[in-house]
N, C-alpha and C. Protein backbone atom coordinates (compact mmCIF):
# COMPACT_ATOMS: atom_id res chain seq x y z
N MET A 1 85.02 107.24 130.47
CA MET A 1 85.96 106.33 129.57
C MET A 1 87.54 106.84 129.95
N ALA A 2 88.59 105.81 129.44
CA ALA A 2 89.64 105.98 129.90
C ALA A 2 90.38 106.20 128.70
N GLU A 3 91.19 107.35 128.84
CA GLU A 3 91.90 108.00 127.75
C GLU A 3 93.28 107.71 127.62
N PHE A 4 93.58 106.83 126.49
CA PHE A 4 94.96 106.68 126.25
C PHE A 4 95.83 107.96 125.53
N ARG A 5 96.92 108.06 125.67
CA ARG A 5 97.56 109.20 124.90
C ARG A 5 97.95 108.43 123.48
N TYR A 6 98.37 107.37 123.69
CA TYR A 6 99.02 106.50 122.26
C TYR A 6 98.36 105.15 122.40
N GLY A 7 97.90 104.85 121.06
CA GLY A 7 97.71 103.42 121.16
C GLY A 7 98.89 102.81 120.84
N PRO A 8 98.55 101.38 120.38
CA PRO A 8 99.80 100.51 120.16
C PRO A 8 100.80 101.22 119.13
N VAL A 9 101.83 100.76 119.35
CA VAL A 9 103.09 101.46 118.14
C VAL A 9 103.66 100.11 117.66
N GLU A 10 104.01 100.39 116.03
CA GLU A 10 104.67 99.29 115.43
C GLU A 10 106.01 99.84 114.69
N LEU A 11 106.92 99.01 114.81
CA LEU A 11 107.99 99.53 113.92
C LEU A 11 108.24 98.88 112.89
N TYR A 12 108.66 99.26 112.01
CA TYR A 12 108.82 98.90 110.41
C TYR A 12 109.76 99.26 110.22
N LEU A 13 110.56 98.28 109.46
CA LEU A 13 111.93 98.55 108.69
C LEU A 13 111.95 98.26 107.33
N VAL A 14 112.03 99.35 106.64
CA VAL A 14 111.89 99.32 105.19
C VAL A 14 112.72 99.73 104.47
N GLY A 15 113.41 98.61 103.82
CA GLY A 15 114.49 99.01 102.79
C GLY A 15 114.08 99.31 101.62
N PHE A 16 115.35 99.73 100.76
CA PHE A 16 115.21 100.79 99.91
C PHE A 16 116.88 100.83 98.95
N GLU A 17 116.25 101.19 98.05
CA GLU A 17 118.18 101.40 97.40
C GLU A 17 118.32 102.34 97.24
N GLY A 18 119.84 103.16 97.42
CA GLY A 18 120.14 104.57 97.55
C GLY A 18 120.57 104.70 99.00
N GLU A 19 120.91 105.89 99.42
CA GLU A 19 121.31 106.33 100.98
C GLU A 19 119.78 106.55 101.41
N ARG A 20 118.91 107.25 100.64
CA ARG A 20 117.27 107.50 101.36
C ARG A 20 116.46 107.35 100.29
N PRO A 21 115.24 107.02 100.93
CA PRO A 21 113.88 106.41 100.18
C PRO A 21 113.53 107.74 99.31
N ASP A 22 113.28 107.19 98.36
CA ASP A 22 112.71 107.81 97.15
C ASP A 22 111.27 108.28 97.25
N PRO A 23 111.20 109.12 96.30
CA PRO A 23 109.64 109.80 96.64
C PRO A 23 108.50 108.62 96.56
N GLY A 24 108.42 107.72 95.74
CA GLY A 24 107.56 106.59 96.04
C GLY A 24 107.38 106.13 97.12
N VAL A 25 108.68 105.53 97.50
CA VAL A 25 108.52 104.94 99.34
C VAL A 25 108.10 106.07 100.08
N MET A 26 108.17 107.05 100.06
CA MET A 26 108.23 108.23 101.00
C MET A 26 106.30 108.64 101.07
N SER A 27 105.77 108.44 99.68
CA SER A 27 104.37 108.29 99.23
C SER A 27 103.75 107.28 99.71
N ALA A 28 104.66 106.20 99.77
CA ALA A 28 103.53 104.65 100.22
C ALA A 28 103.83 105.04 101.95
N LEU A 29 104.71 105.64 102.37
CA LEU A 29 104.68 105.42 103.96
C LEU A 29 103.88 106.68 104.59
N MET A 30 103.82 107.51 103.54
CA MET A 30 103.18 108.93 104.09
C MET A 30 101.31 108.98 104.07
N GLU A 31 100.96 108.15 102.89
CA GLU A 31 99.54 108.14 102.68
C GLU A 31 99.04 107.87 103.99
N PRO A 32 99.00 106.65 104.53
CA PRO A 32 98.11 106.51 105.74
C PRO A 32 98.45 107.32 106.94
N VAL A 33 99.78 107.94 107.30
CA VAL A 33 99.86 108.72 108.06
C VAL A 33 99.00 110.15 107.59
N GLU A 34 99.14 110.71 106.47
CA GLU A 34 98.04 111.56 105.97
C GLU A 34 96.34 111.40 106.23
N SER A 35 96.20 110.39 106.09
CA SER A 35 94.67 110.04 105.94
C SER A 35 94.19 110.11 107.29
N GLY A 36 95.31 109.94 108.42
CA GLY A 36 94.87 109.82 109.83
C GLY A 36 94.77 108.38 110.37
N HIS A 37 94.93 107.46 109.70
CA HIS A 37 95.14 106.14 109.92
C HIS A 37 96.09 105.57 110.89
N LEU A 38 97.44 106.11 110.83
CA LEU A 38 98.60 106.34 111.60
C LEU A 38 99.12 107.62 111.97
N ARG A 39 99.53 107.25 113.07
CA ARG A 39 100.38 108.78 113.38
C ARG A 39 102.16 108.16 113.44
N LEU A 40 102.84 109.19 112.64
CA LEU A 40 104.28 108.62 112.62
C LEU A 40 104.84 109.32 113.97
N LEU A 41 105.52 108.88 114.62
CA LEU A 41 106.25 109.03 115.87
C LEU A 41 107.85 109.15 115.94
N ASP A 42 108.15 108.21 115.15
CA ASP A 42 109.86 108.52 114.99
C ASP A 42 110.00 107.63 113.39
N PHE A 43 111.51 108.57 113.13
CA PHE A 43 111.80 108.13 111.51
C PHE A 43 113.52 108.34 111.84
N LEU A 44 113.91 106.96 111.27
CA LEU A 44 115.11 106.94 111.77
C LEU A 44 115.55 106.74 110.07
N LEU A 45 116.98 107.16 109.52
CA LEU A 45 117.57 106.07 108.65
C LEU A 45 118.68 105.45 109.02
N ILE A 46 118.94 103.84 108.54
CA ILE A 46 119.79 103.26 108.72
C ILE A 46 120.68 102.78 107.57
N SER A 47 121.88 102.83 107.57
CA SER A 47 122.79 102.51 106.38
C SER A 47 123.94 101.60 106.50
N LYS A 48 124.10 100.63 106.16
CA LYS A 48 125.41 99.93 106.47
C LYS A 48 125.96 99.90 104.94
N ASP A 49 127.80 100.49 105.26
CA ASP A 49 128.65 99.87 104.23
C ASP A 49 128.87 98.77 103.61
N ASP A 50 129.70 98.38 102.78
CA ASP A 50 130.14 97.12 102.35
C ASP A 50 130.65 96.15 103.26
N GLN A 51 131.61 97.07 104.15
CA GLN A 51 131.98 96.31 105.39
C GLN A 51 131.26 95.86 106.70
N GLY A 52 129.90 96.37 106.60
CA GLY A 52 129.02 96.32 107.51
C GLY A 52 129.15 97.23 108.86
N ASN A 53 129.67 98.48 108.46
CA ASN A 53 129.73 99.66 109.48
C ASN A 53 128.44 100.36 109.69
N VAL A 54 127.67 99.99 110.70
CA VAL A 54 126.31 101.19 110.60
C VAL A 54 126.15 102.18 110.79
N SER A 55 125.52 103.27 110.07
CA SER A 55 125.41 104.41 110.26
C SER A 55 123.77 104.78 110.47
N ILE A 56 123.60 105.79 111.50
CA ILE A 56 122.08 105.86 111.93
C ILE A 56 121.79 107.47 112.00
N VAL A 57 120.75 108.04 111.47
CA VAL A 57 120.49 109.50 111.22
C VAL A 57 118.99 109.28 111.57
N GLU A 58 118.83 110.08 112.63
CA GLU A 58 117.64 110.33 113.60
C GLU A 58 117.26 111.68 112.87
N ILE A 59 115.75 111.51 112.35
CA ILE A 59 115.43 112.75 111.30
C ILE A 59 114.52 113.08 112.68
N GLU A 60 114.97 114.56 112.87
CA GLU A 60 114.11 115.30 113.61
C GLU A 60 113.28 116.34 113.18
N ASP A 61 113.65 117.12 112.26
CA ASP A 61 112.94 118.18 111.42
C ASP A 61 113.22 117.53 110.30
N ASP A 62 112.04 117.72 109.31
CA ASP A 62 112.00 117.40 107.80
C ASP A 62 112.41 118.81 107.11
N ASP A 63 113.73 119.38 106.83
CA ASP A 63 113.66 120.48 106.06
C ASP A 63 113.75 120.39 104.68
N THR A 64 112.51 119.71 103.93
CA THR A 64 112.51 119.02 102.85
C THR A 64 113.18 117.93 102.03
N ASP A 65 114.11 117.69 103.13
CA ASP A 65 115.33 116.77 102.52
C ASP A 65 114.58 115.52 102.54
N TYR A 66 113.84 115.18 103.41
CA TYR A 66 113.37 113.48 103.33
C TYR A 66 111.89 113.24 103.09
N GLY A 67 110.84 114.53 102.69
CA GLY A 67 109.83 113.90 101.79
C GLY A 67 108.48 114.08 103.20
N LEU A 68 108.70 114.40 104.28
CA LEU A 68 107.69 114.25 105.41
C LEU A 68 106.79 115.45 105.03
N GLY A 69 107.08 116.54 104.44
CA GLY A 69 106.38 117.74 104.55
C GLY A 69 105.90 118.02 106.00
N ASP A 70 104.43 118.44 106.20
CA ASP A 70 103.78 118.83 107.32
C ASP A 70 104.07 118.19 108.33
N ILE A 71 104.37 116.78 108.31
CA ILE A 71 103.86 116.03 109.20
C ILE A 71 105.05 116.10 110.07
N ALA A 72 104.66 116.26 111.65
CA ALA A 72 105.43 116.37 112.21
C ALA A 72 105.98 114.94 113.45
N LEU A 73 107.01 114.56 113.48
CA LEU A 73 107.55 113.42 114.51
C LEU A 73 106.85 113.41 115.91
N GLU A 74 106.15 112.76 116.52
CA GLU A 74 105.20 112.80 117.90
C GLU A 74 106.25 112.96 118.89
N GLU A 75 107.22 111.44 118.24
CA GLU A 75 107.83 111.18 119.76
C GLU A 75 109.10 110.59 119.39
N ILE A 76 110.39 111.41 118.86
CA ILE A 76 111.40 111.32 118.55
C ILE A 76 111.92 110.58 119.48
N GLY A 77 112.89 109.20 119.71
CA GLY A 77 113.52 108.41 120.19
C GLY A 77 112.59 107.12 120.90
N ILE A 78 111.06 106.98 120.55
CA ILE A 78 110.68 106.05 120.74
C ILE A 78 110.97 104.82 120.33
N ALA A 79 111.66 104.62 119.50
CA ALA A 79 112.44 103.05 118.74
C ALA A 79 113.48 103.42 119.79
N GLY A 80 113.73 102.53 120.74
CA GLY A 80 114.72 102.45 121.60
C GLY A 80 116.14 102.01 120.93
N GLU A 81 117.02 102.21 121.71
CA GLU A 81 118.37 101.92 121.17
C GLU A 81 118.78 100.43 120.82
N GLU A 82 118.00 99.43 121.75
CA GLU A 82 118.03 98.41 121.58
C GLU A 82 117.25 97.87 120.50
N ASP A 83 116.27 98.32 120.05
CA ASP A 83 115.31 98.19 118.80
C ASP A 83 115.97 98.39 117.76
N VAL A 84 116.70 99.77 117.56
CA VAL A 84 117.55 100.00 116.64
C VAL A 84 118.44 99.15 116.15
N GLU A 85 119.43 98.96 117.55
CA GLU A 85 120.55 97.71 116.93
C GLU A 85 120.22 96.51 116.64
N GLU A 86 119.21 96.16 116.78
CA GLU A 86 118.60 94.57 116.41
C GLU A 86 117.78 95.06 114.76
N LEU A 87 117.35 95.62 114.86
CA LEU A 87 116.91 95.81 113.25
C LEU A 87 117.64 96.40 112.51
N ALA A 88 118.79 96.82 112.71
CA ALA A 88 120.35 97.15 111.95
C ALA A 88 120.68 96.29 111.16
N GLU A 89 120.83 94.66 112.07
CA GLU A 89 121.36 93.56 111.97
C GLU A 89 121.09 93.22 110.39
N LEU A 90 119.26 93.65 110.45
CA LEU A 90 118.75 93.09 109.59
C LEU A 90 119.04 93.78 107.94
N VAL A 91 119.66 94.69 108.02
CA VAL A 91 120.02 95.21 106.83
C VAL A 91 121.16 94.77 105.93
N PRO A 92 121.19 94.68 105.09
CA PRO A 92 122.13 94.01 104.30
C PRO A 92 123.29 95.36 104.11
N PRO A 93 124.69 94.61 104.09
CA PRO A 93 126.01 95.41 103.85
C PRO A 93 125.25 95.94 102.27
N GLY A 94 125.63 97.10 102.50
CA GLY A 94 125.89 98.33 100.88
C GLY A 94 124.43 98.48 100.82
N SER A 95 123.73 98.66 101.82
CA SER A 95 122.42 98.97 101.95
C SER A 95 121.89 99.99 102.66
N ALA A 96 120.10 100.45 102.51
CA ALA A 96 119.66 101.37 103.77
C ALA A 96 118.50 100.79 104.02
N ALA A 97 117.88 101.74 104.89
CA ALA A 97 116.69 101.04 105.30
C ALA A 97 115.90 102.42 106.22
N ALA A 98 114.67 102.50 106.36
CA ALA A 98 114.11 103.69 106.95
C ALA A 98 113.43 102.90 108.17
N LEU A 99 113.59 103.18 109.41
CA LEU A 99 112.82 102.34 110.35
C LEU A 99 112.01 103.22 111.15
N ILE A 100 110.43 103.08 110.99
CA ILE A 100 109.89 104.04 111.45
C ILE A 100 108.95 103.71 112.66
N ALA A 101 108.19 104.28 113.70
CA ALA A 101 107.31 104.11 114.55
C ALA A 101 106.15 104.68 114.36
N LEU A 102 105.17 103.58 113.94
CA LEU A 102 103.89 104.10 113.87
C LEU A 102 103.00 103.80 115.37
N GLU A 103 101.69 105.18 115.34
CA GLU A 103 100.85 104.60 116.22
C GLU A 103 99.54 103.93 115.29
N LEU A 104 99.09 103.01 115.72
CA LEU A 104 97.86 102.54 114.98
C LEU A 104 97.01 103.07 115.79
N THR A 105 96.33 104.47 114.90
CA THR A 105 95.74 105.46 115.63
C THR A 105 93.93 104.67 116.09
N PHE A 106 93.32 103.87 115.04
CA PHE A 106 92.29 103.21 115.84
C PHE A 106 92.30 102.29 116.95
N ALA A 107 93.57 101.82 117.06
CA ALA A 107 93.60 101.02 118.29
C ALA A 107 93.55 101.78 119.49
N ARG A 108 93.97 102.69 119.59
CA ARG A 108 94.16 103.81 120.74
C ARG A 108 92.64 104.13 121.09
N THR A 109 91.61 103.97 120.43
CA THR A 109 90.43 104.16 120.73
C THR A 109 89.88 103.05 120.99
N LEU A 110 90.14 101.56 120.41
CA LEU A 110 89.78 100.79 121.01
C LEU A 110 90.32 100.09 122.12
N ALA A 111 91.50 100.65 122.45
CA ALA A 111 92.30 100.18 123.88
C ALA A 111 91.63 101.08 125.25
N SER A 112 91.03 102.30 124.68
CA SER A 112 90.57 103.20 125.66
C SER A 112 89.09 102.47 126.00
N ASN A 113 88.38 102.37 125.35
CA ASN A 113 87.13 101.39 125.07
C ASN A 113 87.13 100.39 125.81
N LEU A 114 88.12 99.62 125.75
CA LEU A 114 88.34 98.39 126.31
C LEU A 114 88.73 98.61 128.17
N ALA A 115 89.52 99.36 128.11
CA ALA A 115 89.61 99.45 129.56
C ALA A 115 88.95 100.21 130.30
N ALA A 116 88.04 101.16 129.36
CA ALA A 116 87.03 101.72 130.46
C ALA A 116 85.55 100.91 130.40
N SER A 117 85.73 99.44 129.46
CA SER A 117 84.51 98.81 130.46
C SER A 117 85.18 97.54 131.17
N GLY A 118 86.00 97.55 131.48
CA GLY A 118 86.82 96.80 132.35
C GLY A 118 87.53 95.41 131.58
N GLY A 119 87.37 95.82 130.40
CA GLY A 119 88.18 94.54 129.59
C GLY A 119 89.87 94.62 129.85
N VAL A 120 90.38 93.66 129.52
CA VAL A 120 91.88 93.72 129.58
C VAL A 120 92.15 92.69 127.94
N VAL A 121 93.34 93.38 127.50
CA VAL A 121 93.44 92.69 126.60
C VAL A 121 94.93 91.43 126.95
N LEU A 122 94.57 90.47 126.29
CA LEU A 122 95.51 89.47 127.17
C LEU A 122 96.56 89.22 126.14
N SER A 123 96.29 89.21 124.91
CA SER A 123 97.28 88.98 124.00
C SER A 123 96.69 89.73 122.76
N SER A 124 97.78 90.15 121.77
CA SER A 124 97.15 90.72 120.60
C SER A 124 98.63 90.37 119.50
N GLU A 125 98.16 89.92 118.43
CA GLU A 125 99.15 88.92 117.74
C GLU A 125 98.66 89.58 116.30
N ARG A 126 100.00 90.02 115.33
CA ARG A 126 99.65 90.66 113.91
C ARG A 126 99.92 89.25 113.20
N ILE A 127 98.84 88.85 112.05
CA ILE A 127 99.34 88.24 111.06
C ILE A 127 99.76 88.97 109.69
N PRO A 128 100.96 88.62 109.24
CA PRO A 128 101.64 89.54 108.42
C PRO A 128 100.78 89.58 106.90
N ALA A 129 100.55 90.92 106.37
CA ALA A 129 99.68 90.91 105.14
C ALA A 129 100.06 89.69 103.99
N PRO A 130 101.38 89.69 103.83
CA PRO A 130 101.69 88.66 102.73
C PRO A 130 101.02 87.39 103.14
N ILE A 131 101.15 86.88 104.69
CA ILE A 131 100.58 85.70 104.81
C ILE A 131 99.26 85.57 104.79
N VAL A 132 98.35 86.36 105.22
CA VAL A 132 97.14 86.73 105.23
C VAL A 132 96.56 86.66 103.69
N ASN A 133 97.27 87.17 103.07
CA ASN A 133 96.94 87.16 101.41
C ASN A 133 96.82 85.83 100.84
N ALA A 134 98.30 84.93 101.23
CA ALA A 134 98.61 83.89 100.88
C ALA A 134 97.46 82.97 100.92
N ILE A 135 96.97 82.79 102.36
CA ILE A 135 95.99 81.97 102.87
C ILE A 135 95.01 82.04 102.23
N VAL A 136 94.24 83.20 102.13
CA VAL A 136 92.92 83.31 101.46
C VAL A 136 93.12 82.96 99.99
N ASP A 137 94.10 83.28 99.27
CA ASP A 137 94.33 82.77 97.91
C ASP A 137 94.27 81.70 97.86
N ALA A 138 95.20 81.21 98.85
CA ALA A 138 95.25 79.32 98.83
C ALA A 138 93.91 78.58 99.02
N VAL A 139 93.00 79.69 99.99
CA VAL A 139 91.89 78.80 100.28
C VAL A 139 90.86 79.05 99.26
N GLU A 140 90.63 80.15 98.51
CA GLU A 140 89.91 80.45 96.92
C GLU A 140 90.32 79.66 96.19
N GLU A 141 91.46 79.19 95.87
CA GLU A 141 91.83 78.19 94.74
C GLU A 141 91.35 77.02 95.08
N GLU A 142 91.40 76.81 96.37
CA GLU A 142 90.81 74.95 96.63
C GLU A 142 89.42 75.24 96.50
N VAL A 143 88.50 76.43 96.77
CA VAL A 143 87.08 76.44 96.92
C VAL A 143 86.67 76.52 95.47
N ALA A 144 87.83 77.01 94.11
CA ALA A 144 87.35 77.06 92.93
C ALA A 144 87.42 75.67 92.37
N ALA A 145 88.63 74.82 92.89
CA ALA A 145 89.03 73.53 91.99
C ALA A 145 87.94 72.87 92.59
N GLU A 146 87.38 72.73 93.92
CA GLU A 146 86.38 72.00 94.08
C GLU A 146 85.16 72.19 93.34
N GLY A 147 84.86 73.23 93.46
CA GLY A 147 83.54 73.72 92.39
C GLY A 147 83.64 73.28 91.15
N VAL A 148 84.63 73.10 90.64
CA VAL A 148 85.32 72.45 89.08
C VAL A 148 84.78 70.87 88.97
N GLU A 149 85.60 70.34 90.28
CA GLU A 149 85.48 68.94 90.26
C GLU A 149 83.88 68.50 90.43
N SER A 150 83.01 69.21 90.94
CA SER A 150 81.49 68.72 91.56
C SER A 150 80.81 68.66 90.08
């Protein structure tokens, strides 16, 4: 079987109030990492002052200031400079965000299995959770309305 060291990586830009994520935001981010569903590769803080000046802090070691606990960052710097610059544009002036690179650990196994079997992934596209849930809600409402009309 082909063994991949890494599976697909997704970059998440998570906005929050203040200069750093509060414990609730960190808990939401860390729960899937601690459960093994995701692997945290990189973590940056991006802030933008009221004039639009950007400040970027690369979190390399958690000295308990950021709430990473025992979680080690696996590939610091994997979020490339162009990615960081592009995503920093999305941070509104006077606010901050965390840019996190997450490996989809389940997808590493899938990619390895497909490669070993001779399969080639030609395309992969993510449908964001809010869109999936809105579609499912709309379909369920339509089915419920049709059931009432019958």
